[in-house]
Amino acid sequence: MATPRAGQRLVLDLGTATLRLAMVLPGKYSPDAPAPAIIEMPAVTLVDRERHSVAAVGTQAAALAKGSLPTGVEIVRPMREGMIAAFDPAVALVRQALHEATGGERALRRLTRKPRALYSLPATASDAMRHITGDVLTYAGLGACTPIPATLAAGVGAELPVKSSRLHAICDLGAGVSEIAVLGNGRVLVARSWPFGGDWLDTAIIRAVRRRRGNTITRAMAEEARREFGALDEDYSYNGKPVAVGSDDGLDPAQRRIIARRRNTGTGPLMASVGAGGSFRRAGHNPHSRSGLPEFNPPDVAAGLSDGARGLIEGIALFWEDLDGKMRDGIAAEGLMLTGGAATLPGLAPAIARALSVPVRLAADPAGATIRGLIELGSDPANWEAAWSWPPAWESSL
């Protein structure tokens, strides 16, 4: 990517699993103009504990992590539950993203002014966490940075008219955190978050395999199994109540076919694609298994997803019940919009719709909704000077 011109600025989506970055020119945004290039990299680093240094970041770290690591080198994810968990690895990760955006360290040092940035942060983040994230971005080489509530950015990216007086409900299901919020008049009115996301579902799969099979699989194996074979049944109910026969659950025929195919998948393809130790498609012999491969199958994955989704859907249902009656009635007709990578799990949207008794829609490209919203918000010069209240005023009342 070319060196940024004068006045060009950055937007950052600090996801738990993926960091996304794009350059914007305030005042130059047009829906018909080509979208800015988005840089994506895994939010993973390798840390050498003996030398107290970061050995690899981003794509390189993710590739090396699939093999055997030297003694003293371990995998560290800088972000956890949508917030900074490791300071120095987070600085190295953001710095690497800036290198890719500007053309390397030399081009970054030639800039006369440090680029400003808008970045996403959970609306429920504390004031201290906002300052820690700001320090990470400053040490990485950025200038003034402004936090934007992640659900607000996701709503803009999902093409919700968030600036209107009409209320809109959105739930952003990421890898490390799930956040639900009600938006109106261009701000977050009420929000709640839980550490339930893609990582939580992977942990549930690991526990289900251990419980059902007595084997322990890696997180990487659980993640690939969830992405390739995971699905909730058509009649899944988080509270165990039977689903009324003939009820309109909003499940289209394509979703039904995906769920049926994943539920009835044989163990052969799964065993061929998921190998011992998390080395995919190069599965080595496993001496602890009679078949030589990890002993788990799609029903084990489905059992784990059923357990993991229960806590997530129950949290959303409790948030819905706690809303003011007038607010709940105002958003009931339009329902709930889902964004985030974990929202693509087949059968999840209909299960939430049955729990809330309202329509639930999935945004186009849900994983990229937040960065798209940040690009649009960053293209408006007024948002760079806006005084975003933080923490939001409603937090003290929860």
Protein backbone atom coordinates (compact mmCIF):
# COMPACT_ATOMS: atom_id res chain seq x y z
CA MET A 1 0.00 0.00 0.00
CA ALA A 2 1.28 3.47 -0.86
CA THR A 3 2.51 5.97 1.71
CA PRO A 4 -0.46 7.96 3.07
CA ARG A 5 -0.97 11.47 1.78
CA ALA A 6 -1.34 14.55 3.97
CA GLY A 7 -4.60 14.46 5.91
CA GLN A 8 -5.10 10.72 5.47
CA ARG A 9 -6.01 8.85 8.63
CA LEU A 10 -6.51 5.31 9.88
CA VAL A 11 -9.34 3.24 11.31
CA LEU A 12 -8.65 0.15 13.42
CA ASP A 13 -10.85 -2.77 14.38
CA LEU A 14 -9.04 -4.35 17.35
CA GLY A 15 -10.65 -7.78 17.24
CA THR A 16 -9.73 -10.65 19.53
CA ALA A 17 -8.95 -12.98 16.61
CA THR A 18 -8.31 -10.57 13.72
CA LEU A 19 -6.95 -7.02 13.49
CA ARG A 20 -8.32 -4.96 10.61
CA LEU A 21 -6.95 -1.61 9.43
CA ALA A 22 -7.86 0.79 6.63
CA MET A 23 -6.89 4.29 5.51
CA VAL A 24 -9.53 6.97 5.01
CA LEU A 25 -9.62 10.54 3.73
CA PRO A 26 -12.10 12.58 5.81
CA GLY A 27 -14.64 14.31 3.59
CA LYS A 28 -13.84 12.11 0.59
CA TYR A 29 -16.27 9.28 1.24
CA SER A 30 -18.88 8.44 -1.38
CA PRO A 31 -21.04 5.30 -1.52
CA ASP A 32 -20.17 5.00 -5.24
CA ALA A 33 -16.41 5.39 -4.70
CA PRO A 34 -14.17 2.31 -4.42
CA ALA A 35 -13.92 1.09 -0.85
CA PRO A 36 -10.53 1.61 0.86
CA ALA A 37 -8.28 -1.43 0.98
CA ILE A 38 -8.62 -3.31 4.27
CA ILE A 39 -5.58 -4.95 5.83
CA GLU A 40 -6.38 -8.06 7.87
CA MET A 41 -3.99 -10.05 10.03
CA PRO A 42 -4.42 -12.65 12.76
CA ALA A 43 -4.22 -11.11 16.23
CA VAL A 44 -1.54 -13.58 17.28
CA THR A 45 2.06 -13.15 18.44
CA LEU A 46 4.92 -15.45 19.41
CA VAL A 47 6.78 -14.37 22.53
CA ASP A 48 10.26 -15.57 23.50
CA ARG A 49 10.12 -15.80 27.28
CA GLU A 50 13.87 -16.34 27.62
CA ARG A 51 14.80 -13.19 25.68
CA HIS A 52 11.73 -11.23 26.82
CA SER A 53 10.90 -10.22 23.23
CA VAL A 54 8.26 -10.65 20.55
CA ALA A 55 9.56 -13.17 18.00
CA ALA A 56 6.80 -12.99 15.37
CA VAL A 57 3.46 -11.25 14.84
CA GLY A 58 0.38 -11.51 12.66
CA THR A 59 0.36 -13.83 9.66
CA GLN A 60 3.89 -15.07 10.27
CA ALA A 61 3.11 -15.94 13.88
CA ALA A 62 -0.09 -17.76 12.92
CA ALA A 63 1.79 -19.84 10.32
CA LEU A 64 4.58 -20.76 12.75
CA ALA A 65 2.09 -21.59 15.49
CA LYS A 66 0.72 -24.51 13.43
CA GLY A 67 4.02 -26.37 13.86
CA SER A 68 6.27 -27.18 16.78
CA LEU A 69 7.63 -24.15 18.62
CA PRO A 70 11.14 -23.88 20.13
CA THR A 71 11.55 -24.14 23.87
CA GLY A 72 10.67 -20.88 25.58
CA VAL A 73 8.52 -19.56 22.70
CA GLU A 74 4.79 -19.48 23.28
CA ILE A 75 1.67 -18.19 21.56
CA VAL A 76 0.21 -14.98 23.02
CA ARG A 77 -3.01 -13.34 21.87
CA PRO A 78 -2.68 -9.61 22.67
CA MET A 79 -6.45 -9.03 22.78
CA ARG A 80 -8.85 -10.95 24.99
CA GLU A 81 -12.58 -10.36 25.31
CA GLY A 82 -12.25 -7.30 23.09
CA MET A 83 -9.63 -5.61 25.29
CA ILE A 84 -5.85 -5.46 25.69
CA ALA A 85 -4.48 -8.49 27.51
CA ALA A 86 -0.74 -8.21 26.74
CA PHE A 87 0.72 -4.73 26.29
CA ASP A 88 4.02 -5.30 24.42
CA PRO A 89 2.63 -7.95 22.02
CA ALA A 90 -0.30 -5.62 21.26
CA VAL A 91 2.11 -2.78 20.43
CA ALA A 92 4.11 -5.08 18.12
CA LEU A 93 0.93 -6.26 16.37
CA VAL A 94 -0.38 -2.75 15.70
CA ARG A 95 3.09 -1.64 14.58
CA GLN A 96 3.23 -4.48 12.06
CA ALA A 97 -0.17 -3.45 10.70
CA LEU A 98 1.10 0.11 10.31
CA HIS A 99 4.12 -1.20 8.39
CA GLU A 100 1.84 -2.97 5.92
CA ALA A 101 -0.35 0.12 5.58
CA THR A 102 2.44 2.65 5.03
CA GLY A 103 5.07 0.59 3.24
CA GLY A 104 7.42 -0.37 6.06
CA GLU A 105 9.33 1.14 8.96
CA ARG A 106 11.26 3.59 6.79
CA ALA A 107 8.12 4.99 5.17
CA LEU A 108 6.44 5.27 8.56
CA ARG A 109 9.37 7.25 9.97
CA ARG A 110 9.30 9.63 7.00
CA LEU A 111 5.82 10.87 7.91
CA THR A 112 5.94 14.46 9.11
CA ARG A 113 3.00 13.86 11.43
CA LYS A 114 1.86 10.75 13.20
CA PRO A 115 -1.39 9.49 11.65
CA ARG A 116 -4.56 9.88 13.69
CA ALA A 117 -6.88 6.94 14.17
CA LEU A 118 -10.39 5.89 15.06
CA TYR A 119 -10.55 2.51 16.78
CA SER A 120 -13.32 0.24 18.02
CA LEU A 121 -13.80 -0.59 21.68
CA PRO A 122 -16.69 -2.33 23.48
CA ALA A 123 -19.23 0.20 24.72
CA THR A 124 -18.99 -1.47 28.13
CA ALA A 125 -15.21 -0.90 28.37
CA SER A 126 -14.07 1.00 31.44
CA ASP A 127 -12.29 4.34 31.33
CA ALA A 128 -9.07 2.64 32.43
CA MET A 129 -9.23 0.15 29.55
CA ARG A 130 -9.78 3.00 27.11
CA HIS A 131 -6.60 4.67 28.37
CA ILE A 132 -4.62 1.42 28.16
CA THR A 133 -5.71 0.89 24.57
CA GLY A 134 -4.83 4.49 23.75
CA ASP A 135 -1.33 3.96 25.22
CA VAL A 136 -0.85 0.86 23.05
CA LEU A 137 -1.72 2.80 19.90
CA THR A 138 0.54 5.70 20.94
CA TYR A 139 3.53 3.42 21.55
CA ALA A 140 2.84 1.74 18.20
CA GLY A 141 3.37 5.07 16.42
CA LEU A 142 -0.07 6.63 16.09
CA GLY A 143 -1.02 10.16 17.04
CA ALA A 144 -4.33 11.22 18.55
CA CYS A 145 -6.72 8.26 18.73
CA THR A 146 -10.48 8.37 19.25
CA PRO A 147 -12.46 5.31 20.48
CA ILE A 148 -15.76 4.43 18.81
CA PRO A 149 -18.24 2.00 20.42
CA ALA A 150 -17.90 -1.25 18.48
CA THR A 151 -21.65 -1.84 18.29
CA LEU A 152 -22.18 1.64 16.83
CA ALA A 153 -19.55 1.00 14.15
CA ALA A 154 -21.05 -2.42 13.43
CA GLY A 155 -24.50 -0.85 13.09
CA VAL A 156 -23.19 1.63 10.54
CA GLY A 157 -21.41 -1.19 8.68
CA ALA A 158 -24.64 -3.23 8.68
CA GLU A 159 -26.38 -0.24 7.03
CA LEU A 160 -28.64 0.53 9.96
CA PRO A 161 -29.81 4.18 10.05
CA VAL A 162 -28.24 4.75 13.46
CA LYS A 163 -28.51 8.55 13.24
CA SER A 164 -32.29 8.47 13.07
CA SER A 165 -34.49 8.79 16.15
CA ARG A 166 -35.85 5.30 15.52
CA LEU A 167 -34.30 2.65 17.77
CA HIS A 168 -32.29 -0.28 16.44
CA ALA A 169 -30.99 -3.37 18.25
CA ILE A 170 -27.70 -4.99 17.23
CA CYS A 171 -25.66 -7.87 18.61
CA ASP A 172 -21.99 -8.16 17.65
CA LEU A 173 -20.73 -11.73 18.15
CA GLY A 174 -16.93 -11.68 17.96
CA ALA A 175 -14.27 -14.20 18.82
CA GLY A 176 -13.70 -13.08 22.41
CA VAL A 177 -16.72 -10.99 23.38
CA SER A 178 -20.38 -10.67 22.45
CA GLU A 179 -22.04 -7.30 22.86
CA ILE A 180 -25.66 -6.31 22.40
CA ALA A 181 -26.81 -2.70 22.25
CA VAL A 182 -29.71 -0.44 21.38
CA LEU A 183 -28.76 2.43 19.07
CA GLY A 184 -30.57 5.70 18.44
CA ASN A 185 -29.75 9.30 17.51
CA GLY A 186 -26.21 8.30 16.54
CA ARG A 187 -25.21 6.91 19.93
CA VAL A 188 -25.41 3.85 22.14
CA LEU A 189 -28.40 4.06 24.45
CA VAL A 190 -27.89 0.84 26.41
CA ALA A 191 -25.49 -2.08 26.04
CA ARG A 192 -24.30 -5.23 27.71
CA SER A 193 -21.43 -7.61 26.93
CA TRP A 194 -20.35 -11.15 27.84
CA PRO A 195 -17.15 -13.14 27.25
CA PHE A 196 -19.12 -15.48 24.96
CA GLY A 197 -17.98 -15.69 21.35
CA GLY A 198 -16.15 -17.95 18.94
CA ASP A 199 -13.49 -18.78 21.55
CA TRP A 200 -16.20 -19.72 24.04
CA LEU A 201 -17.78 -22.08 21.50
CA ASP A 202 -14.39 -23.66 20.79
CA THR A 203 -13.87 -24.24 24.52
CA ALA A 204 -17.31 -25.84 24.73
CA ILE A 205 -16.36 -28.22 21.89
CA ILE A 206 -13.12 -29.17 23.69
CA ARG A 207 -15.06 -29.90 26.88
CA ALA A 208 -17.67 -31.94 25.02
CA VAL A 209 -15.02 -34.11 23.34
CA ARG A 210 -13.26 -34.64 26.68
CA ARG A 211 -16.56 -35.54 28.36
CA ARG A 212 -17.84 -37.83 25.60
CA ARG A 213 -14.60 -39.37 24.37
CA GLY A 214 -12.06 -38.94 27.12
CA ASN A 215 -9.69 -37.22 24.65
CA THR A 216 -8.30 -33.70 24.72
CA ILE A 217 -8.12 -31.82 21.42
CA THR A 218 -6.40 -28.52 20.73
CA ARG A 219 -8.18 -25.19 20.35
CA ALA A 220 -7.10 -25.04 16.72
CA MET A 221 -8.75 -28.40 16.05
CA ALA A 222 -11.95 -27.27 17.77
CA GLU A 223 -12.01 -24.03 15.76
CA GLU A 224 -11.62 -25.80 12.41
CA ALA A 225 -14.26 -28.38 13.36
CA ARG A 226 -16.67 -25.54 14.29
CA ARG A 227 -16.08 -23.69 11.04
CA GLU A 228 -16.39 -26.73 8.79
CA PHE A 229 -18.94 -28.90 10.57
CA GLY A 230 -20.56 -26.83 13.34
CA ALA A 231 -24.32 -26.15 13.28
CA LEU A 232 -27.22 -25.90 15.70
CA ASP A 233 -30.18 -28.16 15.02
CA GLU A 234 -33.32 -26.67 13.49
CA ASP A 235 -35.26 -27.38 16.69
CA TYR A 236 -32.55 -26.16 19.10
CA SER A 237 -33.94 -24.42 22.18
CA TYR A 238 -31.55 -22.93 24.73
CA ASN A 239 -33.94 -23.49 27.67
CA GLY A 240 -34.94 -27.02 26.74
CA LYS A 241 -38.54 -26.13 25.88
CA PRO A 242 -39.93 -27.91 22.80
CA VAL A 243 -40.39 -25.84 19.66
CA ALA A 244 -43.95 -25.63 18.43
CA VAL A 245 -44.53 -27.75 15.34
CA GLY A 246 -44.99 -25.63 12.25
CA SER A 247 -43.62 -22.50 13.89
CA ASP A 248 -42.06 -19.96 11.56
CA ASP A 249 -38.47 -19.89 12.78
CA GLY A 250 -37.17 -17.88 9.84
CA LEU A 251 -34.87 -20.69 8.67
CA ASP A 252 -34.57 -20.53 4.90
CA PRO A 253 -34.13 -23.70 2.80
CA ALA A 254 -30.43 -23.02 2.23
CA GLN A 255 -29.81 -22.92 5.99
CA ARG A 256 -31.78 -26.13 6.44
CA ARG A 257 -29.58 -27.88 3.87
CA ILE A 258 -26.39 -26.62 5.55
CA ILE A 259 -27.53 -27.85 8.96
CA ALA A 260 -28.62 -31.24 7.62
CA ARG A 261 -25.35 -31.73 5.73
CA ARG A 262 -23.20 -30.81 8.73
CA ARG A 263 -25.24 -32.95 11.11
CA ASN A 264 -25.03 -36.01 8.85
CA THR A 265 -21.39 -35.64 7.84
CA GLY A 266 -19.42 -38.84 8.26
CA THR A 267 -16.32 -39.01 10.39
CA GLY A 268 -14.07 -39.70 7.40
CA PRO A 269 -13.84 -36.12 6.06
CA LEU A 270 -13.45 -34.75 9.59
CA MET A 271 -10.65 -37.14 10.44
CA ALA A 272 -8.92 -36.37 7.14
CA SER A 273 -9.04 -32.59 7.67
CA VAL A 274 -8.30 -32.36 11.40
CA GLY A 275 -5.07 -33.95 12.52
CA ALA A 276 -3.43 -34.66 15.84
CA GLY A 277 -1.88 -31.65 17.52
CA GLY A 278 -3.74 -29.18 15.35
CA SER A 279 -1.69 -29.81 12.18
CA PHE A 280 -4.36 -29.76 9.52
CA ARG A 281 -4.30 -31.82 6.32
CA ARG A 282 -0.89 -33.16 7.30
CA ALA A 283 -2.19 -35.41 10.09
CA GLY A 284 0.50 -37.45 11.74
CA HIS A 285 -0.03 -40.77 13.49
CA ASN A 286 -1.59 -40.53 16.95
CA PRO A 287 -0.30 -43.46 19.05
CA HIS A 288 -2.92 -42.81 21.74
CA SER A 289 -5.81 -43.58 19.39
CA ARG A 290 -6.83 -46.91 17.88
CA SER A 291 -7.44 -45.25 14.51
CA GLY A 292 -4.26 -43.18 14.73
CA LEU A 293 -6.32 -39.95 14.54
CA PRO A 294 -8.21 -37.81 17.08
CA GLU A 295 -11.37 -39.65 18.04
CA PHE A 296 -14.22 -37.15 17.79
CA ASN A 297 -16.96 -36.63 15.25
CA PRO A 298 -19.72 -34.17 14.23
CA PRO A 299 -22.14 -35.23 17.01
CA ASP A 300 -19.43 -34.31 19.54
CA VAL A 301 -19.05 -30.90 17.87
CA ALA A 302 -22.83 -30.42 17.89
CA ALA A 303 -23.01 -31.30 21.59
CA GLY A 304 -20.35 -28.73 22.42
CA LEU A 305 -22.03 -26.02 20.36
CA SER A 306 -25.36 -26.73 22.05
CA ASP A 307 -23.76 -26.23 25.46
CA GLY A 308 -21.86 -23.12 24.40
CA ALA A 309 -24.77 -21.44 22.63
CA ARG A 310 -27.01 -21.89 25.66
CA GLY A 311 -25.18 -19.28 27.75
CA LEU A 312 -24.96 -16.85 24.84
CA ILE A 313 -28.65 -17.01 23.94
CA GLU A 314 -29.70 -16.89 27.58
CA GLY A 315 -27.68 -13.68 28.06
CA ILE A 316 -29.33 -12.08 25.03
CA ALA A 317 -32.78 -13.13 26.26
CA LEU A 318 -32.14 -11.66 29.74
CA PHE A 319 -30.95 -8.39 28.21
CA TRP A 320 -34.14 -8.26 26.12
CA GLU A 321 -36.29 -8.85 29.18
CA ASP A 322 -34.46 -6.14 31.17
CA LEU A 323 -35.11 -3.46 28.54
CA ASP A 324 -37.63 -0.77 29.30
CA GLY A 325 -41.03 -1.85 27.98
CA LYS A 326 -41.36 1.16 25.72
CA MET A 327 -37.90 0.64 24.27
CA ARG A 328 -38.52 -3.06 23.74
CA ASP A 329 -41.78 -2.38 21.92
CA GLY A 330 -40.04 0.18 19.72
CA ILE A 331 -37.49 -2.33 18.39
CA ALA A 332 -39.66 -5.47 18.38
CA ALA A 333 -41.01 -4.97 14.85
CA GLU A 334 -37.57 -4.57 13.27
CA GLY A 335 -35.98 -7.16 15.54
CA LEU A 336 -32.28 -7.80 16.08
CA MET A 337 -29.35 -7.45 13.67
CA LEU A 338 -26.43 -9.88 14.06
CA THR A 339 -22.83 -9.03 13.13
CA GLY A 340 -19.45 -10.57 13.90
CA GLY A 341 -17.74 -13.74 12.74
CA ALA A 342 -19.41 -16.02 15.30
CA ALA A 343 -22.85 -14.96 14.04
CA THR A 344 -22.37 -17.08 10.89
CA LEU A 345 -22.90 -20.32 12.83
CA PRO A 346 -25.76 -22.09 10.97
CA GLY A 347 -28.91 -22.25 13.08
CA LEU A 348 -27.83 -19.57 15.58
CA ALA A 349 -29.95 -16.72 14.21
CA PRO A 350 -33.18 -18.80 14.17
CA ALA A 351 -32.46 -20.03 17.71
CA ILE A 352 -32.13 -16.43 18.93
CA ALA A 353 -35.30 -15.49 17.06
CA ARG A 354 -37.22 -18.27 18.83
CA ALA A 355 -35.87 -17.18 22.22
CA LEU A 356 -36.82 -13.50 21.72
CA SER A 357 -39.94 -14.01 19.56
CA VAL A 358 -38.72 -11.25 17.22
CA PRO A 359 -37.14 -11.27 13.74
CA VAL A 360 -33.36 -11.78 13.71
CA ARG A 361 -31.33 -10.82 10.63
CA LEU A 362 -27.74 -11.53 9.67
CA ALA A 363 -25.75 -8.63 8.21
CA ALA A 364 -23.99 -8.99 4.88
CA ASP A 365 -20.38 -10.06 5.55
CA PRO A 366 -20.97 -9.91 9.33
CA ALA A 367 -17.27 -10.29 10.20
CA GLY A 368 -16.40 -7.07 8.32
CA ALA A 369 -19.30 -4.95 9.57
CA THR A 370 -17.26 -3.12 12.23
CA ILE A 371 -14.39 -2.07 9.94
CA ARG A 372 -16.87 -0.99 7.24
CA GLY A 373 -18.65 1.15 9.80
CA LEU A 374 -15.37 2.65 11.00
CA ILE A 375 -14.46 3.55 7.41
CA GLU A 376 -17.74 5.37 6.94
CA LEU A 377 -17.51 7.10 10.31
CA GLY A 378 -13.88 8.04 9.69
CA SER A 379 -14.77 9.61 6.36
CA ASP A 380 -16.90 12.21 8.15
CA PRO A 381 -14.62 15.00 9.49
CA ALA A 382 -17.09 15.77 12.29
CA ASN A 383 -16.48 12.38 13.92
CA TRP A 384 -12.79 13.16 14.41
CA GLU A 385 -13.62 16.19 16.51
CA ALA A 386 -16.65 14.76 18.31
CA ALA A 387 -16.45 14.49 22.09
CA TRP A 388 -17.50 10.87 22.60
CA SER A 389 -18.61 10.46 26.22
CA TRP A 390 -16.81 7.57 27.89
CA PRO A 391 -17.87 5.61 29.79
CA PRO A 392 -21.41 6.06 28.42
CA ALA A 393 -23.84 7.78 30.77
CA TRP A 394 -26.02 4.68 31.17
CA GLU A 395 -23.18 2.58 32.63
CA SER A 396 -23.59 3.96 36.16
CA SER A 397 -27.21 2.85 36.24
CA LEU A 398 -26.54 -0.84 35.55
